[in-house]
PDB file of N, CA and C in Angstrom:
ATOM      1  N   UNK A   1      75.201  68.099  86.268  1.00  0.00           N
ATOM      2  CA  UNK A   1      76.352  67.484  85.677  1.00  0.00           C
ATOM      3  C   UNK A   1      75.909  66.292  84.814  1.00  0.00           C
ATOM      4  N   UNK A   2      76.545  66.122  83.655  1.00  0.00           N
ATOM      5  CA  UNK A   2      76.176  65.090  82.695  1.00  0.00           C
ATOM      6  C   UNK A   2      76.977  63.830  82.957  1.00  0.00           C
ATOM      7  N   UNK A   3      76.301  62.721  83.068  1.00  0.00           N
ATOM      8  CA  UNK A   3      76.980  61.443  83.288  1.00  0.00           C
ATOM      9  C   UNK A   3      77.179  60.734  81.952  1.00  0.00           C
ATOM     10  N   UNK A   4      78.247  59.967  81.842  1.00  0.00           N
ATOM     11  CA  UNK A   4      78.533  59.229  80.624  1.00  0.00           C
ATOM     12  C   UNK A   4      77.531  58.105  80.402  1.00  0.00           C
ATOM     13  N   UNK A   5      77.001  57.532  81.429  1.00  0.00           N
ATOM     14  CA  UNK A   5      76.045  56.437  81.283  1.00  0.00           C
ATOM     15  C   UNK A   5      74.716  56.917  80.727  1.00  0.00           C
ATOM     16  N   UNK A   6      74.400  58.171  80.891  1.00  0.00           N
ATOM     17  CA  UNK A   6      73.132  58.691  80.422  1.00  0.00           C
ATOM     18  C   UNK A   6      73.151  59.072  78.945  1.00  0.00           C
ATOM     19  N   UNK A   7      74.316  59.189  78.334  1.00  0.00           N
ATOM     20  CA  UNK A   7      74.378  59.593  76.932  1.00  0.00           C
ATOM     21  C   UNK A   7      73.986  58.427  76.044  1.00  0.00           C
ATOM     22  N   UNK A   8      73.338  58.759  74.941  1.00  0.00           N
ATOM     23  CA  UNK A   8      72.920  57.724  73.999  1.00  0.00           C
ATOM     24  C   UNK A   8      73.773  57.881  72.745  1.00  0.00           C
ATOM     25  N   UNK A   9      74.645  56.935  72.501  1.00  0.00           N
ATOM     26  CA  UNK A   9      75.539  56.983  71.337  1.00  0.00           C
ATOM     27  C   UNK A   9      75.827  55.550  70.898  1.00  0.00           C
ATOM     28  N   UNK A  10      76.412  55.449  69.718  1.00  0.00           N
ATOM     29  CA  UNK A  10      76.784  54.133  69.194  1.00  0.00           C
ATOM     30  C   UNK A  10      78.121  53.714  69.777  1.00  0.00           C
ATOM     31  N   UNK A  11      78.227  52.423  70.069  1.00  0.00           N
ATOM     32  CA  UNK A  11      79.510  51.919  70.531  1.00  0.00           C
ATOM     33  C   UNK A  11      80.379  51.591  69.329  1.00  0.00           C
ATOM     34  N   UNK A  12      81.650  51.422  69.567  1.00  0.00           N
ATOM     35  CA  UNK A  12      82.581  51.083  68.489  1.00  0.00           C
ATOM     36  C   UNK A  12      82.194  49.756  67.845  1.00  0.00           C
ATOM     37  N   UNK A  13      81.735  48.808  68.601  1.00  0.00           N
ATOM     38  CA  UNK A  13      81.328  47.509  68.063  1.00  0.00           C
ATOM     39  C   UNK A  13      80.136  47.657  67.123  1.00  0.00           C
ATOM     40  N   UNK A  14      79.171  48.466  67.475  1.00  0.00           N
ATOM     41  CA  UNK A  14      78.004  48.678  66.613  1.00  0.00           C
ATOM     42  C   UNK A  14      78.408  49.338  65.290  1.00  0.00           C
ATOM     43  N   UNK A  15      79.316  50.281  65.345  1.00  0.00           N
ATOM     44  CA  UNK A  15      79.791  50.950  64.138  1.00  0.00           C
ATOM     45  C   UNK A  15      80.533  49.959  63.243  1.00  0.00           C
ATOM     46  N   UNK A  16      81.366  49.102  63.822  1.00  0.00           N
ATOM     47  CA  UNK A  16      82.128  48.111  63.052  1.00  0.00           C
ATOM     48  C   UNK A  16      81.185  47.102  62.380  1.00  0.00           C
ATOM     49  N   UNK A  17      80.166  46.657  63.071  1.00  0.00           N
ATOM     50  CA  UNK A  17      79.200  45.716  62.494  1.00  0.00           C
ATOM     51  C   UNK A  17      78.441  46.382  61.347  1.00  0.00           C
ATOM     52  N   UNK A  18      78.064  47.627  61.533  1.00  0.00           N
ATOM     53  CA  UNK A  18      77.370  48.361  60.473  1.00  0.00           C
ATOM     54  C   UNK A  18      78.251  48.499  59.238  1.00  0.00           C
ATOM     55  N   UNK A  19      79.520  48.830  59.433  1.00  0.00           N
ATOM     56  CA  UNK A  19      80.450  48.949  58.303  1.00  0.00           C
ATOM     57  C   UNK A  19      80.645  47.608  57.596  1.00  0.00           C
ATOM     58  N   UNK A  20      80.676  46.517  58.339  1.00  0.00           N
ATOM     59  CA  UNK A  20      80.818  45.193  57.744  1.00  0.00           C
ATOM     60  C   UNK A  20      79.611  44.862  56.866  1.00  0.00           C
ATOM     61  N   UNK A  21      78.418  45.110  57.381  1.00  0.00           N
ATOM     62  CA  UNK A  21      77.202  44.839  56.608  1.00  0.00           C
ATOM     63  C   UNK A  21      77.159  45.717  55.357  1.00  0.00           C
ATOM     64  N   UNK A  22      77.536  46.972  55.488  1.00  0.00           N
ATOM     65  CA  UNK A  22      77.550  47.897  54.356  1.00  0.00           C
ATOM     66  C   UNK A  22      78.555  47.447  53.289  1.00  0.00           C
ATOM     67  N   UNK A  23      79.739  47.006  53.708  1.00  0.00           N
ATOM     68  CA  UNK A  23      80.747  46.578  52.725  1.00  0.00           C
ATOM     69  C   UNK A  23      80.331  45.287  52.010  1.00  0.00           C
ATOM     70  N   UNK A  24      79.653  44.369  52.681  1.00  0.00           N
ATOM     71  CA  UNK A  24      79.160  43.159  52.019  1.00  0.00           C
ATOM     72  C   UNK A  24      78.110  43.530  50.970  1.00  0.00           C
ATOM     73  N   UNK A  25      77.233  44.469  51.298  1.00  0.00           N
ATOM     74  CA  UNK A  25      76.231  44.924  50.338  1.00  0.00           C
ATOM     75  C   UNK A  25      76.864  45.609  49.133  1.00  0.00           C
ATOM     76  N   UNK A  26      77.883  46.404  49.357  1.00  0.00           N
ATOM     77  CA  UNK A  26      78.564  47.083  48.251  1.00  0.00           C
ATOM     78  C   UNK A  26      79.284  46.084  47.346  1.00  0.00           C
ATOM     79  N   UNK A  27      79.859  45.040  47.921  1.00  0.00           N
ATOM     80  CA  UNK A  27      80.488  43.991  47.111  1.00  0.00           C
ATOM     81  C   UNK A  27      79.452  43.295  46.234  1.00  0.00           C
ATOM     82  N   UNK A  28      78.283  43.057  46.774  1.00  0.00           N
ATOM     83  CA  UNK A  28      77.209  42.448  45.987  1.00  0.00           C
ATOM     84  C   UNK A  28      76.799  43.337  44.826  1.00  0.00           C
ATOM     85  N   UNK A  29      76.703  44.628  45.045  1.00  0.00           N
ATOM     86  CA  UNK A  29      76.363  45.556  43.969  1.00  0.00           C
ATOM     87  C   UNK A  29      77.457  45.615  42.912  1.00  0.00           C
ATOM     88  N   UNK A  30      78.712  45.558  43.330  1.00  0.00           N
ATOM     89  CA  UNK A  30      79.821  45.570  42.360  1.00  0.00           C
ATOM     90  C   UNK A  30      79.773  44.327  41.480  1.00  0.00           C
ATOM     91  N   UNK A  31      79.461  43.180  42.060  1.00  0.00           N
ATOM     92  CA  UNK A  31      79.349  41.941  41.293  1.00  0.00           C
ATOM     93  C   UNK A  31      78.210  42.026  40.279  1.00  0.00           C
ATOM     94  N   UNK A  32      77.084  42.588  40.684  1.00  0.00           N
ATOM     95  CA  UNK A  32      75.968  42.760  39.765  1.00  0.00           C
ATOM     96  C   UNK A  32      76.339  43.698  38.616  1.00  0.00           C
ATOM     97  N   UNK A  33      77.097  44.730  38.905  1.00  0.00           N
ATOM     98  CA  UNK A  33      77.510  45.676  37.866  1.00  0.00           C
ATOM     99  C   UNK A  33      78.415  44.991  36.845  1.00  0.00           C
ATOM    100  N   UNK A  34      79.325  44.166  37.304  1.00  0.00           N
ATOM    101  CA  UNK A  34      80.225  43.430  36.396  1.00  0.00           C
ATOM    102  C   UNK A  34      79.422  42.482  35.512  1.00  0.00           C
ATOM    103  N   UNK A  35      78.452  41.799  36.094  1.00  0.00           N
ATOM    104  CA  UNK A  35      77.612  40.889  35.310  1.00  0.00           C
ATOM    105  C   UNK A  35      76.804  41.653  34.265  1.00  0.00           C
ATOM    106  N   UNK A  36      76.325  42.833  34.599  1.00  0.00           N
ATOM    107  CA  UNK A  36      75.561  43.641  33.644  1.00  0.00           C
ATOM    108  C   UNK A  36      76.443  44.097  32.489  1.00  0.00           C
ATOM    109  N   UNK A  37      77.673  44.467  32.771  1.00  0.00           N
ATOM    110  CA  UNK A  37      78.605  44.896  31.719  1.00  0.00           C
ATOM    111  C   UNK A  37      78.904  43.734  30.781  1.00  0.00           C
ATOM    112  N   UNK A  38      79.147  42.555  31.337  1.00  0.00           N
ATOM    113  CA  UNK A  38      79.399  41.372  30.502  1.00  0.00           C
ATOM    114  C   UNK A  38      78.187  41.025  29.639  1.00  0.00           C
ATOM    115  N   UNK A  39      77.001  41.121  30.218  1.00  0.00           N
ATOM    116  CA  UNK A  39      75.782  40.839  29.462  1.00  0.00           C
ATOM    117  C   UNK A  39      75.589  41.814  28.315  1.00  0.00           C
ATOM    118  N   UNK A  40      75.872  43.085  28.556  1.00  0.00           N
ATOM    119  CA  UNK A  40      75.758  44.084  27.493  1.00  0.00           C
ATOM    120  C   UNK A  40      76.774  43.833  26.388  1.00  0.00           C
ATOM    121  N   UNK A  41      77.977  43.449  26.759  1.00  0.00           N
ATOM    122  CA  UNK A  41      79.016  43.161  25.771  1.00  0.00           C
ATOM    123  C   UNK A  41      78.615  41.964  24.908  1.00  0.00           C
ATOM    124  N   UNK A  42      78.095  40.909  25.537  1.00  0.00           N
ATOM    125  CA  UNK A  42      77.650  39.738  24.786  1.00  0.00           C
ATOM    126  C   UNK A  42      76.504  40.103  23.847  1.00  0.00           C
ATOM    127  N   UNK A  43      75.578  40.904  24.328  1.00  0.00           N
ATOM    128  CA  UNK A  43      74.461  41.328  23.483  1.00  0.00           C
ATOM    129  C   UNK A  43      74.924  42.112  22.268  1.00  0.00           C
ATOM    130  N   UNK A  44      75.912  42.959  22.459  1.00  0.00           N
ATOM    131  CA  UNK A  44      76.449  43.727  21.338  1.00  0.00           C
ATOM    132  C   UNK A  44      77.140  42.806  20.332  1.00  0.00           C
ATOM    133  N   UNK A  45      77.922  41.853  20.816  1.00  0.00           N
ATOM    134  CA  UNK A  45      78.596  40.902  19.921  1.00  0.00           C
ATOM    135  C   UNK A  45      77.576  40.052  19.161  1.00  0.00           C
ATOM    136  N   UNK A  46      76.521  39.637  19.823  1.00  0.00           N
ATOM    137  CA  UNK A  46      75.482  38.831  19.179  1.00  0.00           C
ATOM    138  C   UNK A  46      74.764  39.638  18.096  1.00  0.00           C
ATOM    139  N   UNK A  47      74.523  40.914  18.363  1.00  0.00           N
ATOM    140  CA  UNK A  47      73.878  41.776  17.373  1.00  0.00           C
ATOM    141  C   UNK A  47      74.759  41.944  16.143  1.00  0.00           C
ATOM    142  N   UNK A  48      76.047  42.151  16.356  1.00  0.00           N
ATOM    143  CA  UNK A  48      76.981  42.309  15.232  1.00  0.00           C
ATOM    144  C   UNK A  48      77.033  41.029  14.413  1.00  0.00           C
ATOM    145  N   UNK A  49      77.131  39.876  15.075  1.00  0.00           N
ATOM    146  CA  UNK A  49      77.194  38.594  14.363  1.00  0.00           C
ATOM    147  C   UNK A  49      75.908  38.339  13.576  1.00  0.00           C
ATOM    148  N   UNK A  50      74.764  38.641  14.157  1.00  0.00           N
ATOM    149  CA  UNK A  50      73.490  38.454  13.449  1.00  0.00           C
ATOM    150  C   UNK A  50      73.392  39.372  12.243  1.00  0.00           C
ATOM    151  N   UNK A  51      73.856  40.587  12.390  1.00  0.00           N
ATOM    152  CA  UNK A  51      73.844  41.535  11.278  1.00  0.00           C
ATOM    153  C   UNK A  51      74.762  41.068  10.154  1.00  0.00           C
ATOM    154  N   UNK A  52      75.939  40.557  10.507  1.00  0.00           N
ATOM    155  CA  UNK A  52      76.862  40.046   9.486  1.00  0.00           C
ATOM    156  C   UNK A  52      76.245  38.875   8.725  1.00  0.00           C
ATOM    157  N   UNK A  53      75.583  37.979   9.434  1.00  0.00           N
ATOM    158  CA  UNK A  53      74.942  36.830   8.783  1.00  0.00           C
ATOM    159  C   UNK A  53      73.803  37.291   7.873  1.00  0.00           C
ATOM    160  N   UNK A  54      72.981  38.189   8.366  1.00  0.00           N
ATOM    161  CA  UNK A  54      71.853  38.681   7.569  1.00  0.00           C
ATOM    162  C   UNK A  54      72.344  39.432   6.330  1.00  0.00           C
ATOM    163  N   UNK A  55      73.379  40.245   6.484  1.00  0.00           N
ATOM    164  CA  UNK A  55      73.927  40.979   5.335  1.00  0.00           C
ATOM    165  C   UNK A  55      74.445  40.030   4.258  1.00  0.00           C
ATOM    166  N   UNK A  56      75.099  38.932   4.685  1.00  0.00           N
ATOM    167  CA  UNK A  56      75.615  37.974   3.706  1.00  0.00           C
ATOM    168  C   UNK A  56      74.469  37.279   2.979  1.00  0.00           C
ATOM    169  N   UNK A  57      73.418  36.909   3.698  1.00  0.00           N
ATOM    170  CA  UNK A  57      72.258  36.288   3.049  1.00  0.00           C
ATOM    171  C   UNK A  57      71.650  37.232   2.015  1.00  0.00           C
ATOM    172  N   UNK A  58      71.518  38.491   2.353  1.00  0.00           N
ATOM    173  CA  UNK A  58      70.956  39.458   1.413  1.00  0.00           C
ATOM    174  C   UNK A  58      71.877  39.657   0.208  1.00  0.00           C
ATOM    175  N   UNK A  59      73.171  39.662   0.460  1.00  0.00           N
ATOM    176  CA  UNK A  59      74.142  39.793  -0.634  1.00  0.00           C
ATOM    177  C   UNK A  59      74.054  38.604  -1.595  1.00  0.00           C
ATOM    178  N   UNK A  60      73.919  37.399  -1.048  1.00  0.00           N
ATOM    179  CA  UNK A  60      73.817  36.202  -1.887  1.00  0.00           C
ATOM    180  C   UNK A  60      72.500  36.174  -2.666  1.00  0.00           C
ATOM    181  N   UNK A  61      71.417  36.688  -2.063  1.00  0.00           N
ATOM    182  CA  UNK A  61      70.135  36.749  -2.769  1.00  0.00           C
ATOM    183  C   UNK A  61      70.201  37.670  -3.984  1.00  0.00           C
ATOM    184  N   UNK A  62      71.008  38.716  -3.903  1.00  0.00           N
ATOM    185  CA  UNK A  62      71.124  39.684  -4.996  1.00  0.00           C
ATOM    186  C   UNK A  62      72.051  39.202  -6.114  1.00  0.00           C
ATOM    187  N   UNK A  63      72.930  38.230  -5.814  1.00  0.00           N
ATOM    188  CA  UNK A  63      73.857  37.715  -6.831  1.00  0.00           C
ATOM    189  C   UNK A  63      73.112  36.909  -7.891  1.00  0.00           C
ATOM    190  N   UNK A  64      73.766  36.713  -9.019  1.00  0.00           N
ATOM    191  CA  UNK A  64      73.246  35.857 -10.071  1.00  0.00           C
ATOM    192  C   UNK A  64      73.125  34.434  -9.526  1.00  0.00           C
ATOM    193  N   UNK A  65      72.018  33.759  -9.814  1.00  0.00           N
ATOM    194  CA  UNK A  65      71.744  32.443  -9.246  1.00  0.00           C
ATOM    195  C   UNK A  65      72.868  31.447  -9.511  1.00  0.00           C
ATOM    196  N   UNK A  66      73.410  31.436 -10.736  1.00  0.00           N
ATOM    197  CA  UNK A  66      74.448  30.468 -11.082  1.00  0.00           C
ATOM    198  C   UNK A  66      75.796  30.772 -10.419  1.00  0.00           C
ATOM    199  N   UNK A  67      76.005  32.005  -9.952  1.00  0.00           N
ATOM    200  CA  UNK A  67      77.297  32.360  -9.344  1.00  0.00           C
ATOM    201  C   UNK A  67      77.313  32.198  -7.822  1.00  0.00           C
ATOM    202  N   UNK A  68      76.184  31.819  -7.235  1.00  0.00           N
ATOM    203  CA  UNK A  68      76.131  31.654  -5.782  1.00  0.00           C
ATOM    204  C   UNK A  68      76.885  30.386  -5.406  1.00  0.00           C
ATOM    205  N   UNK A  69      77.897  30.541  -4.542  1.00  0.00           N
ATOM    206  CA  UNK A  69      78.694  29.382  -4.141  1.00  0.00           C
ATOM    207  C   UNK A  69      79.174  29.493  -2.703  1.00  0.00           C
ATOM    208  N   UNK A  70      79.751  28.420  -2.214  1.00  0.00           N
ATOM    209  CA  UNK A  70      80.264  28.342  -0.858  1.00  0.00           C
ATOM    210  C   UNK A  70      81.490  29.239  -0.713  1.00  0.00           C
ATOM    211  N   UNK A  71      81.671  29.805   0.474  1.00  0.00           N
ATOM    212  CA  UNK A  71      82.835  30.646   0.718  1.00  0.00           C
ATOM    213  C   UNK A  71      82.968  31.042   2.176  1.00  0.00           C
ATOM    214  N   UNK A  72      83.946  31.889   2.447  1.00  0.00           N
ATOM    215  CA  UNK A  72      84.147  32.397   3.803  1.00  0.00           C
ATOM    216  C   UNK A  72      84.902  33.716   3.754  1.00  0.00           C
ATOM    217  N   UNK A  73      84.825  34.460   4.850  1.00  0.00           N
ATOM    218  CA  UNK A  73      85.596  35.681   4.999  1.00  0.00           C
ATOM    219  C   UNK A  73      85.725  36.008   6.485  1.00  0.00           C
ATOM    220  N   UNK A  74      86.472  37.072   6.776  1.00  0.00           N
ATOM    221  CA  UNK A  74      86.714  37.492   8.150  1.00  0.00           C
ATOM    222  C   UNK A  74      86.338  38.962   8.260  1.00  0.00           C
ATOM    223  N   UNK A  75      85.639  39.319   9.326  1.00  0.00           N
ATOM    224  CA  UNK A  75      85.253  40.702   9.594  1.00  0.00           C
ATOM    225  C   UNK A  75      85.814  41.094  10.960  1.00  0.00           C
ATOM    226  N   UNK A  76      86.418  42.267  11.025  1.00  0.00           N
ATOM    227  CA  UNK A  76      87.035  42.723  12.272  1.00  0.00           C
ATOM    228  C   UNK A  76      86.289  43.943  12.794  1.00  0.00           C
ATOM    229  N   UNK A  77      85.872  43.867  14.049  1.00  0.00           N
ATOM    230  CA  UNK A  77      85.267  45.011  14.730  1.00  0.00           C
ATOM    231  C   UNK A  77      86.390  45.686  15.509  1.00  0.00           C
ATOM    232  N   UNK A  78      86.917  46.776  14.967  1.00  0.00           N
ATOM    233  CA  UNK A  78      88.071  47.432  15.573  1.00  0.00           C
ATOM    234  C   UNK A  78      87.714  48.190  16.844  1.00  0.00           C
ATOM    235  N   UNK A  79      86.453  48.578  16.988  1.00  0.00           N
ATOM    236  CA  UNK A  79      86.050  49.296  18.193  1.00  0.00           C
ATOM    237  C   UNK A  79      86.127  48.363  19.409  1.00  0.00           C
ATOM    238  N   UNK A  80      85.578  47.163  19.267  1.00  0.00           N
ATOM    239  CA  UNK A  80      85.551  46.206  20.381  1.00  0.00           C
ATOM    240  C   UNK A  80      86.665  45.177  20.306  1.00  0.00           C
ATOM    241  N   UNK A  81      87.515  45.284  19.293  1.00  0.00           N
ATOM    242  CA  UNK A  81      88.642  44.359  19.104  1.00  0.00           C
ATOM    243  C   UNK A  81      88.173  42.905  19.069  1.00  0.00           C
ATOM    244  N   UNK A  82      87.227  42.643  18.196  1.00  0.00           N
ATOM    245  CA  UNK A  82      86.666  41.302  18.071  1.00  0.00           C
ATOM    246  C   UNK A  82      86.702  40.893  16.601  1.00  0.00           C
ATOM    247  N   UNK A  83      87.100  39.652  16.323  1.00  0.00           N
ATOM    248  CA  UNK A  83      87.185  39.141  14.965  1.00  0.00           C
ATOM    249  C   UNK A  83      86.085  38.101  14.754  1.00  0.00           C
ATOM    250  N   UNK A  84      85.314  38.304  13.695  1.00  0.00           N
ATOM    251  CA  UNK A  84      84.212  37.399  13.355  1.00  0.00           C
ATOM    252  C   UNK A  84      84.576  36.632  12.092  1.00  0.00           C
ATOM    253  N   UNK A  85      84.444  35.310  12.135  1.00  0.00           N
ATOM    254  CA  UNK A  85      84.646  34.478  10.944  1.00  0.00           C
ATOM    255  C   UNK A  85      83.272  34.126  10.391  1.00  0.00           C
ATOM    256  N   UNK A  86      83.123  34.328   9.086  1.00  0.00           N
ATOM    257  CA  UNK A  86      81.826  34.096   8.450  1.00  0.00           C
ATOM    258  C   UNK A  86      82.004  33.063   7.349  1.00  0.00           C
ATOM    259  N   UNK A  87      81.245  31.955   7.424  1.00  0.00           N
ATOM    260  CA  UNK A  87      81.272  30.912   6.399  1.00  0.00           C
ATOM    261  C   UNK A  87      79.857  30.722   5.876  1.00  0.00           C
ATOM    262  N   UNK A  88      79.766  30.505   4.569  1.00  0.00           N
ATOM    263  CA  UNK A  88      78.464  30.206   3.986  1.00  0.00           C
ATOM    264  C   UNK A  88      78.580  28.949   3.147  1.00  0.00           C
ATOM    265  N   UNK A  89      77.613  28.076   3.326  1.00  0.00           N
ATOM    266  CA  UNK A  89      77.561  26.787   2.642  1.00  0.00           C
ATOM    267  C   UNK A  89      76.346  26.790   1.735  1.00  0.00           C
ATOM    268  N   UNK A  90      76.567  26.485   0.464  1.00  0.00           N
ATOM    269  CA  UNK A  90      75.497  26.482  -0.531  1.00  0.00           C
ATOM    270  C   UNK A  90      75.324  25.054  -1.042  1.00  0.00           C
ATOM    271  N   UNK A  91      74.095  24.542  -0.979  1.00  0.00           N
ATOM    272  CA  UNK A  91      73.770  23.209  -1.492  1.00  0.00           C
ATOM    273  C   UNK A  91      72.860  23.373  -2.697  1.00  0.00           C
ATOM    274  N   UNK A  92      73.306  22.882  -3.831  1.00  0.00           N
ATOM    275  CA  UNK A  92      72.536  22.999  -5.073  1.00  0.00           C
ATOM    276  C   UNK A  92      71.391  21.990  -5.115  1.00  0.00           C
ATOM    277  N   UNK A  93      70.315  22.376  -5.804  1.00  0.00           N
ATOM    278  CA  UNK A  93      69.137  21.535  -6.033  1.00  0.00           C
ATOM    279  C   UNK A  93      68.561  20.964  -4.734  1.00  0.00           C
ATOM    280  N   UNK A  94      68.558  21.789  -3.700  1.00  0.00           N
ATOM    281  CA  UNK A  94      67.996  21.397  -2.411  1.00  0.00           C
ATOM    282  C   UNK A  94      67.065  22.505  -1.970  1.00  0.00           C
ATOM    283  N   UNK A  95      65.880  22.265  -1.590  1.00  0.00           N
ATOM    284  CA  UNK A  95      65.155  21.015  -1.454  1.00  0.00           C
ATOM    285  C   UNK A  95      64.594  20.472  -2.766  1.00  0.00           C
ATOM    286  N   UNK A  96      64.590  21.309  -3.840  1.00  0.00           N
ATOM    287  CA  UNK A  96      64.113  20.838  -5.141  1.00  0.00           C
ATOM    288  C   UNK A  96      65.040  21.367  -6.218  1.00  0.00           C
ATOM    289  N   UNK A  97      64.790  20.924  -7.440  1.00  0.00           N
ATOM    290  CA  UNK A  97      65.586  21.395  -8.570  1.00  0.00           C
ATOM    291  C   UNK A  97      65.403  22.905  -8.728  1.00  0.00           C
ATOM    292  N   UNK A  98      66.432  23.572  -9.206  1.00  0.00           N
ATOM    293  CA  UNK A  98      66.460  25.027  -9.409  1.00  0.00           C
ATOM    294  C   UNK A  98      66.315  25.817  -8.108  1.00  0.00           C
ATOM    295  N   UNK A  99      66.765  25.214  -7.015  1.00  0.00           N
ATOM    296  CA  UNK A  99      66.786  25.899  -5.712  1.00  0.00           C
ATOM    297  C   UNK A  99      68.125  25.635  -5.046  1.00  0.00           C
ATOM    298  N   UNK A 100      68.526  26.560  -4.197  1.00  0.00           N
ATOM    299  CA  UNK A 100      69.761  26.393  -3.421  1.00  0.00           C
ATOM    300  C   UNK A 100      69.458  26.689  -1.957  1.00  0.00           C
ATOM    301  N   UNK A 101      69.956  25.826  -1.087  1.00  0.00           N
ATOM    302  CA  UNK A 101      69.860  26.060   0.346  1.00  0.00           C
ATOM    303  C   UNK A 101      71.159  26.712   0.794  1.00  0.00           C
ATOM    304  N   UNK A 102      71.035  27.854   1.459  1.00  0.00           N
ATOM    305  CA  UNK A 102      72.207  28.615   1.903  1.00  0.00           C
ATOM    306  C   UNK A 102      72.171  28.713   3.423  1.00  0.00           C
ATOM    307  N   UNK A 103      73.294  28.369   4.057  1.00  0.00           N
ATOM    308  CA  UNK A 103      73.435  28.551   5.498  1.00  0.00           C
ATOM    309  C   UNK A 103      74.664  29.409   5.750  1.00  0.00           C
ATOM    310  N   UNK A 104      74.485  30.480   6.526  1.00  0.00           N
ATOM    311  CA  UNK A 104      75.582  31.364   6.899  1.00  0.00           C
ATOM    312  C   UNK A 104      75.839  31.175   8.386  1.00  0.00           C
ATOM    313  N   UNK A 105      77.092  30.937   8.731  1.00  0.00           N
ATOM    314  CA  UNK A 105      77.485  30.745  10.137  1.00  0.00           C
ATOM    315  C   UNK A 105      78.567  31.752  10.482  1.00  0.00           C
ATOM    316  N   UNK A 106      78.323  32.531  11.524  1.00  0.00           N
ATOM    317  CA  UNK A 106      79.286  33.521  12.005  1.00  0.00           C
ATOM    318  C   UNK A 106      79.790  33.060  13.367  1.00  0.00           C
ATOM    319  N   UNK A 107      81.100  32.942  13.518  1.00  0.00           N
ATOM    320  CA  UNK A 107      81.702  32.517  14.785  1.00  0.00           C
ATOM    321  C   UNK A 107      82.657  33.589  15.287  1.00  0.00           C
ATOM    322  N   UNK A 108      82.792  33.662  16.595  1.00  0.00           N
ATOM    323  CA  UNK A 108      83.744  34.572  17.233  1.00  0.00           C
ATOM    324  C   UNK A 108      84.043  34.053  18.623  1.00  0.00           C
ATOM    325  N   UNK A 109      85.112  34.550  19.214  1.00  0.00           N
ATOM    326  CA  UNK A 109      85.489  34.164  20.564  1.00  0.00           C
ATOM    327  C   UNK A 109      85.027  35.248  21.518  1.00  0.00           C
ATOM    328  N   UNK A 110      84.121  34.884  22.403  1.00  0.00           N
ATOM    329  CA  UNK A 110      83.619  35.826  23.393  1.00  0.00           C
ATOM    330  C   UNK A 110      84.525  35.854  24.609  1.00  0.00           C
ATOM    331  N   UNK A 111      84.038  36.466  25.681  1.00  0.00           N
ATOM    332  CA  UNK A 111      84.832  36.615  26.893  1.00  0.00           C
ATOM    333  C   UNK A 111      85.153  35.266  27.534  1.00  0.00           C
ATOM    334  N   UNK A 112      84.247  34.317  27.455  1.00  0.00           N
ATOM    335  CA  UNK A 112      84.441  33.051  28.156  1.00  0.00           C
ATOM    336  C   UNK A 112      84.410  31.829  27.257  1.00  0.00           C
ATOM    337  N   UNK A 113      83.906  31.952  26.031  1.00  0.00           N
ATOM    338  CA  UNK A 113      83.779  30.769  25.183  1.00  0.00           C
ATOM    339  C   UNK A 113      83.646  31.181  23.725  1.00  0.00           C
ATOM    340  N   UNK A 114      83.771  30.183  22.843  1.00  0.00           N
ATOM    341  CA  UNK A 114      83.515  30.427  21.429  1.00  0.00           C
ATOM    342  C   UNK A 114      82.013  30.533  21.222  1.00  0.00           C
ATOM    343  N   UNK A 115      81.612  31.476  20.390  1.00  0.00           N
ATOM    344  CA  UNK A 115      80.194  31.722  20.139  1.00  0.00           C
ATOM    345  C   UNK A 115      79.908  31.580  18.656  1.00  0.00           C
ATOM    346  N   UNK A 116      78.634  31.348  18.301  1.00  0.00           N
ATOM    347  CA  UNK A 116      78.263  31.213  16.885  1.00  0.00           C
ATOM    348  C   UNK A 116      76.811  31.599  16.680  1.00  0.00           C
ATOM    349  N   UNK A 117      76.536  32.118  15.483  1.00  0.00           N
ATOM    350  CA  UNK A 117      75.187  32.442  15.040  1.00  0.00           C
ATOM    351  C   UNK A 117      75.022  31.832  13.651  1.00  0.00           C
ATOM    352  N   UNK A 118      73.907  31.154  13.400  1.00  0.00           N
ATOM    353  CA  UNK A 118      73.632  30.565  12.096  1.00  0.00           C
ATOM    354  C   UNK A 118      72.289  31.058  11.581  1.00  0.00           C
ATOM    355  N   UNK A 119      72.259  31.311  10.270  1.00  0.00           N
ATOM    356  CA  UNK A 119      71.014  31.682   9.588  1.00  0.00           C
ATOM    357  C   UNK A 119      70.986  30.973   8.254  1.00  0.00           C
ATOM    358  N   UNK A 120      69.794  30.671   7.807  1.00  0.00           N
ATOM    359  CA  UNK A 120      69.671  29.982   6.532  1.00  0.00           C
ATOM    360  C   UNK A 120      68.494  30.470   5.718  1.00  0.00           C
ATOM    361  N   UNK A 121      68.558  30.175   4.429  1.00  0.00           N
ATOM    362  CA  UNK A 121      67.470  30.522   3.522  1.00  0.00           C
ATOM    363  C   UNK A 121      67.509  29.623   2.316  1.00  0.00           C
ATOM    364  N   UNK A 122      66.470  29.679   1.513  1.00  0.00           N
ATOM    365  CA  UNK A 122      66.416  28.938   0.257  1.00  0.00           C
ATOM    366  C   UNK A 122      66.264  29.974  -0.852  1.00  0.00           C
ATOM    367  N   UNK A 123      67.103  29.867  -1.865  1.00  0.00           N
ATOM    368  CA  UNK A 123      67.078  30.798  -3.003  1.00  0.00           C
ATOM    369  C   UNK A 123      66.645  30.020  -4.233  1.00  0.00           C
ATOM    370  N   UNK A 124      65.704  30.590  -4.961  1.00  0.00           N
ATOM    371  CA  UNK A 124      65.171  29.948  -6.152  1.00  0.00           C
ATOM    372  C   UNK A 124      65.629  30.692  -7.406  1.00  0.00           C
ATOM    373  N   UNK A 125      65.781  29.977  -8.511  1.00  0.00           N
ATOM    374  CA  UNK A 125      66.184  30.603  -9.758  1.00  0.00           C
ATOM    375  C   UNK A 125      65.008  31.260 -10.467  1.00  0.00           C
ATOM    376  N   UNK A 126      63.805  30.989 -10.020  1.00  0.00           N
ATOM    377  CA  UNK A 126      62.609  31.542 -10.664  1.00  0.00           C
ATOM    378  C   UNK A 126      62.350  32.962 -10.259  1.00  0.00           C
TER     379      UNK A 126
END
């Protein structure tokens, strides 16, 4: 005859403790997944902003030297529903005569704060 004391099984308390430890670990993994998604989203926004700034610098380099001037525009990423503001500031005869210093700044509102990317170059008339 089989006695209950001789059987080897888990008690209800042991199962409950195991489930508690497992659920705490799963919550930690869920938090890491959310952080990874946010990081990927920020990286994508930063890449788009850098590309917009670089494209504007290249566009200004191709323009006629005398027509290069300060300005701004807005670019909308409809896939991610994000609006980027792009401003470019042109300083004449800096650092020397017949040169222009150009700075392009792209700003947007990220998930938690306002973000910005700046790039600059010097364009010569020669």
